[in-house]
Amino acid sequence: MNLFQLMRSDYRKYKKYGGSFFGIIFLTQGFWAVFQYRIAHFIYSKIKWQPFRFLGLFILLIYQKNIEILTGISISAASKIGHSFYIGHFGGIIINANAVVGNNCNISQGVTIGVSGRGKSRGVPVIGNEVYIGANAVVSGNISIGNGVLIGACSMVNTSVADNLVVSGVPAVVISQNGSKGYI
């Protein structure tokens, strides 16, 4: 997908949850952060000519810091996020530069997707498609989260999770095999 198709898919996802054009564009901090990420990632990954790349990334760094201050959401331009990404609530969200998030995923406030572990376990998660991550959850380490997974609120996920499971707790354990169906 190109940049505009990605932005359109994100907008449609916000529209699906009942937002109006005015509300999404001017009042939804999650959309602002995702919009900023899409532009920054495009410049980071597609523009190779150094003078344009440097200037674009410098301007976007200032833009990103303003978005972080306004929204409390930090998404690195280097992270890889699939289409139809939805941030449901304001603030406290950090997505590591090496994180990979699949298509059609939802995250709530307070979510951290980051680096953790020691030795071979040190790394950043790879998150599959159609994953819902509940409020204040932490997903960290060299792990993979399968497709259709639901991560409960206030959970700490530091081990890999297979497809279509519901995990919750500290550390997270499987509590159901219903997956994220109905949450995405």
N, C-alpha and C. Protein backbone atom coordinates (compact mmCIF):
# COMPACT_ATOMS: atom_id res chain seq x y z
N MET A 1 0.84 -1.19 0.00
CA MET A 1 0.00 0.00 0.00
C MET A 1 0.89 1.25 0.00
N ASN A 2 0.42 2.27 -0.71
CA ASN A 2 1.18 3.52 -0.68
C ASN A 2 0.73 4.36 0.51
N LEU A 3 1.39 5.50 0.69
CA LEU A 3 1.14 6.36 1.85
C LEU A 3 -0.33 6.77 1.95
N PHE A 4 -0.92 7.19 0.86
CA PHE A 4 -2.30 7.67 0.91
C PHE A 4 -3.29 6.53 1.17
N GLN A 5 -3.01 5.36 0.65
CA GLN A 5 -3.88 4.21 0.93
C GLN A 5 -3.81 3.83 2.41
N LEU A 6 -2.61 3.90 3.00
CA LEU A 6 -2.46 3.61 4.43
C LEU A 6 -3.23 4.63 5.26
N MET A 7 -3.09 5.91 4.92
CA MET A 7 -3.81 6.95 5.66
C MET A 7 -5.31 6.78 5.53
N ARG A 8 -5.78 6.43 4.33
CA ARG A 8 -7.20 6.21 4.11
C ARG A 8 -7.71 5.02 4.91
N SER A 9 -6.91 3.95 4.98
CA SER A 9 -7.34 2.78 5.76
C SER A 9 -7.41 3.11 7.25
N ASP A 10 -6.46 3.93 7.73
CA ASP A 10 -6.51 4.36 9.13
C ASP A 10 -7.76 5.21 9.39
N TYR A 11 -8.01 6.15 8.49
CA TYR A 11 -9.19 7.02 8.63
C TYR A 11 -10.47 6.18 8.64
N ARG A 12 -10.57 5.22 7.75
CA ARG A 12 -11.77 4.35 7.70
C ARG A 12 -11.96 3.59 9.00
N LYS A 13 -10.84 3.16 9.60
CA LYS A 13 -10.92 2.44 10.87
C LYS A 13 -11.50 3.35 11.95
N TYR A 14 -11.03 4.59 12.01
CA TYR A 14 -11.58 5.54 12.98
C TYR A 14 -13.05 5.83 12.67
N LYS A 15 -13.39 5.94 11.42
CA LYS A 15 -14.77 6.19 10.99
C LYS A 15 -15.67 5.03 11.42
N LYS A 16 -15.15 3.81 11.35
CA LYS A 16 -15.89 2.61 11.73
C LYS A 16 -16.36 2.68 13.19
N TYR A 17 -15.54 3.30 14.03
CA TYR A 17 -15.88 3.40 15.45
C TYR A 17 -16.73 4.63 15.77
N GLY A 18 -17.32 5.24 14.74
CA GLY A 18 -18.32 6.27 14.97
C GLY A 18 -17.85 7.70 14.94
N GLY A 19 -16.65 7.95 14.48
CA GLY A 19 -16.17 9.32 14.41
C GLY A 19 -16.68 10.05 13.18
N SER A 20 -16.86 11.35 13.32
CA SER A 20 -17.20 12.18 12.17
C SER A 20 -15.90 12.71 11.57
N PHE A 21 -15.96 13.22 10.35
CA PHE A 21 -14.77 13.76 9.70
C PHE A 21 -14.12 14.82 10.59
N PHE A 22 -14.91 15.78 11.07
CA PHE A 22 -14.38 16.85 11.91
C PHE A 22 -13.76 16.28 13.19
N GLY A 23 -14.48 15.38 13.83
CA GLY A 23 -13.99 14.79 15.07
C GLY A 23 -12.70 14.02 14.90
N ILE A 24 -12.60 13.24 13.83
CA ILE A 24 -11.39 12.45 13.60
C ILE A 24 -10.20 13.34 13.28
N ILE A 25 -10.36 14.25 12.36
CA ILE A 25 -9.25 15.08 11.90
C ILE A 25 -8.79 16.09 12.96
N PHE A 26 -9.72 16.71 13.67
CA PHE A 26 -9.37 17.82 14.55
C PHE A 26 -9.37 17.48 16.04
N LEU A 27 -9.98 16.39 16.44
CA LEU A 27 -10.14 16.14 17.86
C LEU A 27 -9.62 14.78 18.34
N THR A 28 -9.14 13.94 17.46
CA THR A 28 -8.74 12.59 17.84
C THR A 28 -7.22 12.47 17.88
N GLN A 29 -6.67 12.46 19.10
CA GLN A 29 -5.22 12.44 19.26
C GLN A 29 -4.58 11.17 18.70
N GLY A 30 -5.26 10.05 18.81
CA GLY A 30 -4.72 8.80 18.26
C GLY A 30 -4.53 8.91 16.76
N PHE A 31 -5.49 9.51 16.07
CA PHE A 31 -5.37 9.69 14.63
C PHE A 31 -4.22 10.64 14.30
N TRP A 32 -4.05 11.70 15.08
CA TRP A 32 -2.93 12.61 14.84
C TRP A 32 -1.60 11.87 14.90
N ALA A 33 -1.46 11.01 15.92
CA ALA A 33 -0.20 10.28 16.09
C ALA A 33 0.02 9.29 14.95
N VAL A 34 -1.02 8.60 14.53
CA VAL A 34 -0.90 7.64 13.43
C VAL A 34 -0.59 8.38 12.13
N PHE A 35 -1.24 9.50 11.88
CA PHE A 35 -1.00 10.32 10.69
C PHE A 35 0.46 10.78 10.65
N GLN A 36 0.94 11.28 11.78
CA GLN A 36 2.35 11.72 11.88
C GLN A 36 3.29 10.55 11.61
N TYR A 37 2.97 9.38 12.19
CA TYR A 37 3.82 8.20 11.98
C TYR A 37 3.87 7.84 10.49
N ARG A 38 2.73 7.84 9.82
CA ARG A 38 2.70 7.44 8.39
C ARG A 38 3.61 8.33 7.56
N ILE A 39 3.57 9.64 7.79
CA ILE A 39 4.42 10.56 7.03
C ILE A 39 5.89 10.33 7.38
N ALA A 40 6.18 10.23 8.68
CA ALA A 40 7.57 10.02 9.11
C ALA A 40 8.12 8.70 8.60
N HIS A 41 7.34 7.64 8.64
CA HIS A 41 7.80 6.34 8.16
C HIS A 41 8.05 6.37 6.65
N PHE A 42 7.20 7.08 5.92
CA PHE A 42 7.39 7.22 4.48
C PHE A 42 8.74 7.87 4.19
N ILE A 43 9.03 8.98 4.86
CA ILE A 43 10.31 9.67 4.64
C ILE A 43 11.46 8.78 5.09
N TYR A 44 11.31 8.13 6.25
CA TYR A 44 12.37 7.27 6.79
C TYR A 44 12.69 6.10 5.85
N SER A 45 11.66 5.49 5.27
CA SER A 45 11.87 4.27 4.50
C SER A 45 11.99 4.47 2.99
N LYS A 46 11.42 5.55 2.46
CA LYS A 46 11.36 5.70 1.00
C LYS A 46 12.31 6.76 0.43
N ILE A 47 12.60 7.79 1.17
CA ILE A 47 13.45 8.86 0.63
C ILE A 47 14.91 8.52 0.95
N LYS A 48 15.68 8.33 -0.10
CA LYS A 48 17.07 7.90 0.07
C LYS A 48 18.09 9.00 -0.20
N TRP A 49 17.70 10.03 -0.94
CA TRP A 49 18.64 11.10 -1.26
C TRP A 49 18.89 11.92 0.00
N GLN A 50 20.12 11.91 0.51
CA GLN A 50 20.44 12.42 1.83
C GLN A 50 20.00 13.85 2.13
N PRO A 51 20.17 14.83 1.25
CA PRO A 51 19.72 16.18 1.62
C PRO A 51 18.21 16.25 1.92
N PHE A 52 17.40 15.62 1.07
CA PHE A 52 15.94 15.60 1.30
C PHE A 52 15.59 14.76 2.54
N ARG A 53 16.26 13.64 2.67
CA ARG A 53 16.01 12.75 3.81
C ARG A 53 16.33 13.47 5.12
N PHE A 54 17.49 14.10 5.19
CA PHE A 54 17.90 14.80 6.41
C PHE A 54 16.93 15.91 6.75
N LEU A 55 16.60 16.74 5.77
CA LEU A 55 15.69 17.85 5.99
C LEU A 55 14.30 17.35 6.40
N GLY A 56 13.80 16.34 5.68
CA GLY A 56 12.48 15.79 6.01
C GLY A 56 12.44 15.19 7.40
N LEU A 57 13.45 14.41 7.76
CA LEU A 57 13.47 13.79 9.09
C LEU A 57 13.64 14.83 10.19
N PHE A 58 14.41 15.88 9.92
CA PHE A 58 14.58 16.95 10.92
C PHE A 58 13.25 17.65 11.18
N ILE A 59 12.55 18.02 10.13
CA ILE A 59 11.25 18.69 10.28
C ILE A 59 10.26 17.76 10.98
N LEU A 60 10.28 16.48 10.60
CA LEU A 60 9.35 15.52 11.21
C LEU A 60 9.71 15.21 12.66
N LEU A 61 10.98 15.32 13.02
CA LEU A 61 11.36 15.12 14.41
C LEU A 61 10.72 16.20 15.28
N ILE A 62 10.74 17.42 14.81
CA ILE A 62 10.08 18.51 15.54
C ILE A 62 8.57 18.27 15.60
N TYR A 63 7.99 17.88 14.47
CA TYR A 63 6.56 17.57 14.41
C TYR A 63 6.23 16.41 15.36
N GLN A 64 7.05 15.36 15.35
CA GLN A 64 6.82 14.21 16.21
C GLN A 64 6.87 14.60 17.69
N LYS A 65 7.83 15.43 18.07
CA LYS A 65 7.93 15.85 19.48
C LYS A 65 6.69 16.65 19.89
N ASN A 66 6.18 17.50 18.99
CA ASN A 66 4.96 18.23 19.30
C ASN A 66 3.78 17.29 19.46
N ILE A 67 3.67 16.30 18.59
CA ILE A 67 2.60 15.31 18.71
C ILE A 67 2.74 14.52 20.01
N GLU A 68 3.98 14.14 20.37
CA GLU A 68 4.19 13.43 21.63
C GLU A 68 3.73 14.26 22.82
N ILE A 69 4.05 15.55 22.81
CA ILE A 69 3.65 16.43 23.91
C ILE A 69 2.13 16.57 23.96
N LEU A 70 1.50 16.75 22.81
CA LEU A 70 0.05 16.94 22.76
C LEU A 70 -0.73 15.67 23.06
N THR A 71 -0.22 14.53 22.62
CA THR A 71 -1.00 13.30 22.70
C THR A 71 -0.50 12.29 23.73
N GLY A 72 0.76 12.39 24.11
CA GLY A 72 1.34 11.37 24.98
C GLY A 72 1.56 10.06 24.26
N ILE A 73 1.69 10.11 22.93
CA ILE A 73 1.86 8.91 22.11
C ILE A 73 3.18 9.03 21.35
N SER A 74 4.07 8.05 21.53
CA SER A 74 5.37 8.06 20.86
C SER A 74 5.48 6.85 19.95
N ILE A 75 5.49 7.12 18.64
CA ILE A 75 5.65 6.06 17.65
C ILE A 75 6.86 6.41 16.80
N SER A 76 7.88 5.59 16.84
CA SER A 76 9.10 5.84 16.08
C SER A 76 8.84 5.68 14.59
N ALA A 77 9.49 6.53 13.80
CA ALA A 77 9.38 6.45 12.34
C ALA A 77 9.93 5.13 11.81
N ALA A 78 10.83 4.50 12.56
CA ALA A 78 11.46 3.26 12.11
C ALA A 78 10.59 2.03 12.36
N SER A 79 9.60 2.12 13.24
CA SER A 79 8.75 0.95 13.49
C SER A 79 7.93 0.63 12.25
N LYS A 80 7.45 -0.60 12.18
CA LYS A 80 6.67 -1.04 11.02
C LYS A 80 5.26 -1.39 11.49
N ILE A 81 4.28 -0.63 10.99
CA ILE A 81 2.89 -0.81 11.41
C ILE A 81 2.03 -1.00 10.17
N GLY A 82 1.23 -2.04 10.17
CA GLY A 82 0.37 -2.36 9.03
C GLY A 82 -0.81 -1.40 8.91
N HIS A 83 -1.64 -1.65 7.90
CA HIS A 83 -2.78 -0.78 7.62
C HIS A 83 -3.85 -0.89 8.69
N SER A 84 -4.76 0.07 8.71
CA SER A 84 -5.93 0.11 9.60
C SER A 84 -5.54 0.04 11.07
N PHE A 85 -4.58 0.86 11.46
CA PHE A 85 -4.10 0.90 12.84
C PHE A 85 -4.96 1.88 13.64
N TYR A 86 -5.38 1.47 14.82
CA TYR A 86 -6.29 2.28 15.62
C TYR A 86 -5.79 2.43 17.04
N ILE A 87 -5.65 3.68 17.48
CA ILE A 87 -5.32 3.98 18.86
C ILE A 87 -6.59 4.56 19.48
N GLY A 88 -7.18 3.82 20.38
CA GLY A 88 -8.50 4.16 20.88
C GLY A 88 -8.56 5.30 21.89
N HIS A 89 -7.49 5.55 22.62
CA HIS A 89 -7.57 6.53 23.69
C HIS A 89 -6.28 7.32 23.79
N PHE A 90 -6.37 8.44 24.45
CA PHE A 90 -5.27 9.38 24.62
C PHE A 90 -4.20 8.85 25.57
N GLY A 91 -2.95 8.99 25.19
CA GLY A 91 -1.81 8.99 26.07
C GLY A 91 -1.16 7.72 26.54
N GLY A 92 0.10 7.93 26.92
CA GLY A 92 0.92 6.91 27.55
C GLY A 92 1.30 5.75 26.65
N ILE A 93 1.34 5.96 25.34
CA ILE A 93 1.63 4.87 24.41
C ILE A 93 3.03 5.03 23.85
N ILE A 94 3.82 3.95 23.93
CA ILE A 94 5.18 3.96 23.40
C ILE A 94 5.35 2.73 22.53
N ILE A 95 5.79 2.95 21.27
CA ILE A 95 6.07 1.86 20.35
C ILE A 95 7.52 1.97 19.93
N ASN A 96 8.31 0.96 20.27
CA ASN A 96 9.75 0.94 20.00
C ASN A 96 10.06 1.03 18.51
N ALA A 97 11.23 1.54 18.19
CA ALA A 97 11.66 1.72 16.80
C ALA A 97 11.76 0.40 16.04
N ASN A 98 12.03 -0.69 16.72
CA ASN A 98 12.18 -1.99 16.05
C ASN A 98 10.92 -2.83 16.09
N ALA A 99 9.85 -2.30 16.64
CA ALA A 99 8.60 -3.06 16.75
C ALA A 99 7.96 -3.26 15.38
N VAL A 100 7.29 -4.40 15.25
CA VAL A 100 6.52 -4.71 14.05
C VAL A 100 5.10 -5.01 14.52
N VAL A 101 4.14 -4.26 13.96
CA VAL A 101 2.73 -4.43 14.30
C VAL A 101 1.99 -4.75 13.01
N GLY A 102 1.19 -5.79 13.01
CA GLY A 102 0.49 -6.24 11.81
C GLY A 102 -0.66 -5.35 11.40
N ASN A 103 -1.46 -5.85 10.49
CA ASN A 103 -2.61 -5.12 9.94
C ASN A 103 -3.80 -5.19 10.87
N ASN A 104 -4.61 -4.12 10.84
CA ASN A 104 -5.91 -4.09 11.51
C ASN A 104 -5.80 -4.34 13.01
N CYS A 105 -4.88 -3.63 13.66
CA CYS A 105 -4.68 -3.79 15.10
C CYS A 105 -5.22 -2.59 15.87
N ASN A 106 -5.67 -2.84 17.10
CA ASN A 106 -6.16 -1.80 18.00
C ASN A 106 -5.33 -1.81 19.27
N ILE A 107 -4.97 -0.61 19.75
CA ILE A 107 -4.33 -0.53 21.06
C ILE A 107 -5.02 0.55 21.88
N SER A 108 -5.00 0.36 23.18
CA SER A 108 -5.62 1.30 24.11
C SER A 108 -4.55 2.14 24.79
N GLN A 109 -4.99 3.02 25.69
CA GLN A 109 -4.07 3.92 26.37
C GLN A 109 -3.09 3.16 27.26
N GLY A 110 -1.92 3.76 27.44
CA GLY A 110 -0.94 3.22 28.36
C GLY A 110 -0.17 2.02 27.86
N VAL A 111 -0.27 1.67 26.60
CA VAL A 111 0.38 0.47 26.06
C VAL A 111 1.84 0.75 25.74
N THR A 112 2.71 -0.17 26.12
CA THR A 112 4.12 -0.11 25.76
C THR A 112 4.46 -1.35 24.95
N ILE A 113 5.03 -1.14 23.77
CA ILE A 113 5.56 -2.23 22.95
C ILE A 113 7.04 -1.96 22.86
N GLY A 114 7.83 -2.69 23.65
CA GLY A 114 9.23 -2.29 23.79
C GLY A 114 10.22 -3.42 23.93
N VAL A 115 11.44 -3.01 24.17
CA VAL A 115 12.58 -3.92 24.28
C VAL A 115 12.68 -4.44 25.71
N SER A 116 13.09 -5.70 25.83
CA SER A 116 13.26 -6.31 27.14
C SER A 116 14.06 -7.60 26.99
N GLY A 117 14.47 -8.17 28.11
CA GLY A 117 15.12 -9.47 28.12
C GLY A 117 16.64 -9.39 28.16
N ARG A 118 17.24 -10.58 28.29
CA ARG A 118 18.70 -10.70 28.29
C ARG A 118 19.12 -11.79 27.33
N GLY A 119 20.29 -11.65 26.78
CA GLY A 119 20.82 -12.66 25.88
C GLY A 119 19.96 -12.83 24.65
N LYS A 120 19.64 -14.10 24.32
CA LYS A 120 18.81 -14.37 23.14
C LYS A 120 17.38 -13.86 23.31
N SER A 121 16.95 -13.68 24.54
CA SER A 121 15.59 -13.20 24.82
C SER A 121 15.45 -11.70 24.63
N ARG A 122 16.57 -10.98 24.52
CA ARG A 122 16.51 -9.52 24.39
C ARG A 122 16.03 -9.15 22.99
N GLY A 123 15.06 -8.28 22.95
CA GLY A 123 14.55 -7.84 21.66
C GLY A 123 13.22 -7.16 21.78
N VAL A 124 12.59 -7.01 20.64
CA VAL A 124 11.32 -6.30 20.52
C VAL A 124 10.30 -7.25 19.90
N PRO A 125 9.04 -7.18 20.31
CA PRO A 125 8.03 -8.10 19.78
C PRO A 125 7.65 -7.86 18.33
N VAL A 126 7.17 -8.94 17.72
CA VAL A 126 6.53 -8.89 16.41
C VAL A 126 5.07 -9.26 16.67
N ILE A 127 4.18 -8.34 16.34
CA ILE A 127 2.77 -8.51 16.64
C ILE A 127 2.02 -8.81 15.35
N GLY A 128 1.18 -9.82 15.36
CA GLY A 128 0.45 -10.27 14.18
C GLY A 128 -0.70 -9.36 13.80
N ASN A 129 -1.54 -9.85 12.92
CA ASN A 129 -2.70 -9.11 12.42
C ASN A 129 -3.89 -9.26 13.37
N GLU A 130 -4.76 -8.25 13.37
CA GLU A 130 -6.01 -8.26 14.13
C GLU A 130 -5.79 -8.55 15.61
N VAL A 131 -4.81 -7.85 16.19
CA VAL A 131 -4.49 -7.99 17.61
C VAL A 131 -5.08 -6.80 18.36
N TYR A 132 -5.70 -7.07 19.49
CA TYR A 132 -6.21 -6.02 20.38
C TYR A 132 -5.35 -6.03 21.64
N ILE A 133 -4.80 -4.87 21.99
CA ILE A 133 -3.99 -4.75 23.20
C ILE A 133 -4.71 -3.80 24.15
N GLY A 134 -5.11 -4.31 25.31
CA GLY A 134 -5.89 -3.55 26.28
C GLY A 134 -5.08 -2.50 27.02
N ALA A 135 -5.78 -1.66 27.76
CA ALA A 135 -5.19 -0.53 28.46
C ALA A 135 -4.06 -0.95 29.40
N ASN A 136 -2.98 -0.18 29.37
CA ASN A 136 -1.83 -0.32 30.27
C ASN A 136 -1.11 -1.66 30.16
N ALA A 137 -1.25 -2.33 29.04
CA ALA A 137 -0.54 -3.59 28.82
C ALA A 137 0.89 -3.29 28.36
N VAL A 138 1.79 -4.20 28.69
CA VAL A 138 3.18 -4.12 28.26
C VAL A 138 3.49 -5.39 27.48
N VAL A 139 3.99 -5.22 26.26
CA VAL A 139 4.40 -6.33 25.41
C VAL A 139 5.87 -6.11 25.11
N SER A 140 6.73 -7.00 25.61
CA SER A 140 8.16 -6.74 25.45
C SER A 140 8.95 -8.03 25.34
N GLY A 141 10.12 -7.90 24.73
CA GLY A 141 11.03 -9.02 24.56
C GLY A 141 11.03 -9.54 23.14
N ASN A 142 11.91 -10.44 22.87
CA ASN A 142 12.05 -11.06 21.56
C ASN A 142 10.99 -12.15 21.42
N ILE A 143 9.75 -11.72 21.22
CA ILE A 143 8.61 -12.63 21.18
C ILE A 143 7.75 -12.34 19.95
N SER A 144 6.84 -13.26 19.68
CA SER A 144 5.87 -13.02 18.60
C SER A 144 4.46 -13.23 19.17
N ILE A 145 3.60 -12.33 18.76
CA ILE A 145 2.19 -12.39 19.15
C ILE A 145 1.43 -12.80 17.90
N GLY A 146 0.70 -13.88 17.96
CA GLY A 146 0.01 -14.43 16.80
C GLY A 146 -1.14 -13.57 16.31
N ASN A 147 -1.74 -13.98 15.23
CA ASN A 147 -2.90 -13.28 14.65
C ASN A 147 -4.13 -13.50 15.52
N GLY A 148 -4.97 -12.48 15.60
CA GLY A 148 -6.24 -12.61 16.31
C GLY A 148 -6.12 -12.73 17.82
N VAL A 149 -5.05 -12.23 18.40
CA VAL A 149 -4.82 -12.33 19.85
C VAL A 149 -5.43 -11.12 20.56
N LEU A 150 -5.98 -11.35 21.73
CA LEU A 150 -6.44 -10.28 22.60
C LEU A 150 -5.57 -10.29 23.85
N ILE A 151 -4.96 -9.15 24.15
CA ILE A 151 -4.14 -9.00 25.35
C ILE A 151 -4.94 -8.15 26.33
N GLY A 152 -5.24 -8.70 27.49
CA GLY A 152 -6.07 -8.02 28.48
C GLY A 152 -5.39 -6.81 29.08
N ALA A 153 -6.21 -5.94 29.67
CA ALA A 153 -5.72 -4.73 30.31
C ALA A 153 -4.76 -5.07 31.44
N CYS A 154 -3.77 -4.22 31.63
CA CYS A 154 -2.78 -4.32 32.71
C CYS A 154 -2.00 -5.63 32.68
N SER A 155 -1.79 -6.19 31.51
CA SER A 155 -1.04 -7.44 31.38
C SER A 155 0.41 -7.17 31.03
N MET A 156 1.26 -8.11 31.38
CA MET A 156 2.67 -8.07 31.02
C MET A 156 2.96 -9.31 30.18
N VAL A 157 3.15 -9.11 28.87
CA VAL A 157 3.38 -10.23 27.96
C VAL A 157 4.86 -10.26 27.61
N ASN A 158 5.55 -11.31 28.04
CA ASN A 158 6.99 -11.45 27.74
C ASN A 158 7.33 -12.83 27.20
N THR A 159 6.30 -13.58 26.79
CA THR A 159 6.51 -14.85 26.10
C THR A 159 5.60 -14.86 24.86
N SER A 160 5.98 -15.62 23.88
CA SER A 160 5.21 -15.68 22.64
C SER A 160 3.80 -16.22 22.87
N VAL A 161 2.87 -15.75 22.03
CA VAL A 161 1.47 -16.14 22.14
C VAL A 161 1.01 -16.66 20.78
N ALA A 162 0.39 -17.83 20.76
CA ALA A 162 -0.12 -18.44 19.52
C ALA A 162 -1.36 -17.70 19.03
N ASP A 163 -1.80 -18.02 17.83
CA ASP A 163 -2.96 -17.38 17.21
C ASP A 163 -4.24 -17.58 18.01
N ASN A 164 -5.13 -16.57 17.94
CA ASN A 164 -6.51 -16.63 18.43
C ASN A 164 -6.65 -17.00 19.90
N LEU A 165 -5.78 -16.43 20.73
CA LEU A 165 -5.87 -16.65 22.17
C LEU A 165 -6.15 -15.35 22.88
N VAL A 166 -6.66 -15.45 24.11
CA VAL A 166 -6.81 -14.31 25.00
C VAL A 166 -5.85 -14.54 26.15
N VAL A 167 -4.97 -13.54 26.39
CA VAL A 167 -4.02 -13.64 27.49
C VAL A 167 -4.22 -12.46 28.43
N SER A 168 -3.96 -12.69 29.70
CA SER A 168 -4.11 -11.63 30.69
C SER A 168 -3.28 -11.97 31.91
N GLY A 169 -2.91 -10.95 32.67
CA GLY A 169 -2.20 -11.14 33.93
C GLY A 169 -0.75 -10.71 33.85
N VAL A 170 -0.09 -10.83 35.03
CA VAL A 170 1.33 -10.50 35.16
C VAL A 170 2.01 -11.68 35.82
N PRO A 171 2.78 -12.46 35.09
CA PRO A 171 2.93 -12.45 33.64
C PRO A 171 1.66 -13.01 32.99
N ALA A 172 1.46 -12.66 31.73
CA ALA A 172 0.24 -13.05 31.02
C ALA A 172 0.16 -14.55 30.82
N VAL A 173 -1.03 -15.09 31.03
CA VAL A 173 -1.30 -16.50 30.79
C VAL A 173 -2.56 -16.60 29.93
N VAL A 174 -2.70 -17.71 29.25
CA VAL A 174 -3.88 -17.93 28.40
C VAL A 174 -5.10 -18.12 29.28
N ILE A 175 -6.15 -17.32 28.99
CA ILE A 175 -7.39 -17.46 29.76
C ILE A 175 -8.56 -17.88 28.89
N SER A 176 -8.36 -17.83 27.55
CA SER A 176 -9.45 -18.19 26.65
C SER A 176 -8.89 -18.46 25.26
N GLN A 177 -9.68 -19.14 24.46
CA GLN A 177 -9.31 -19.36 23.07
C GLN A 177 -10.25 -18.62 22.12
N ASN A 178 -10.88 -17.54 22.62
CA ASN A 178 -11.82 -16.76 21.81
C ASN A 178 -11.14 -15.72 20.94
N GLY A 179 -9.94 -15.33 21.23
CA GLY A 179 -9.20 -14.37 20.43
C GLY A 179 -9.82 -12.98 20.44
N SER A 180 -9.45 -12.19 19.46
CA SER A 180 -9.87 -10.78 19.42
C SER A 180 -11.15 -10.54 18.63
N LYS A 181 -11.77 -11.60 18.16
CA LYS A 181 -13.00 -11.44 17.38
C LYS A 181 -14.03 -10.66 18.19
N GLY A 182 -14.58 -9.62 17.58
CA GLY A 182 -15.54 -8.77 18.26
C GLY A 182 -14.91 -7.54 18.89
N TYR A 183 -13.59 -7.52 19.03
CA TYR A 183 -12.90 -6.37 19.59
C TYR A 183 -12.26 -5.51 18.49
N ILE A 184 -12.10 -6.07 17.31
CA ILE A 184 -11.45 -5.35 16.21
C ILE A 184 -12.52 -4.82 15.28
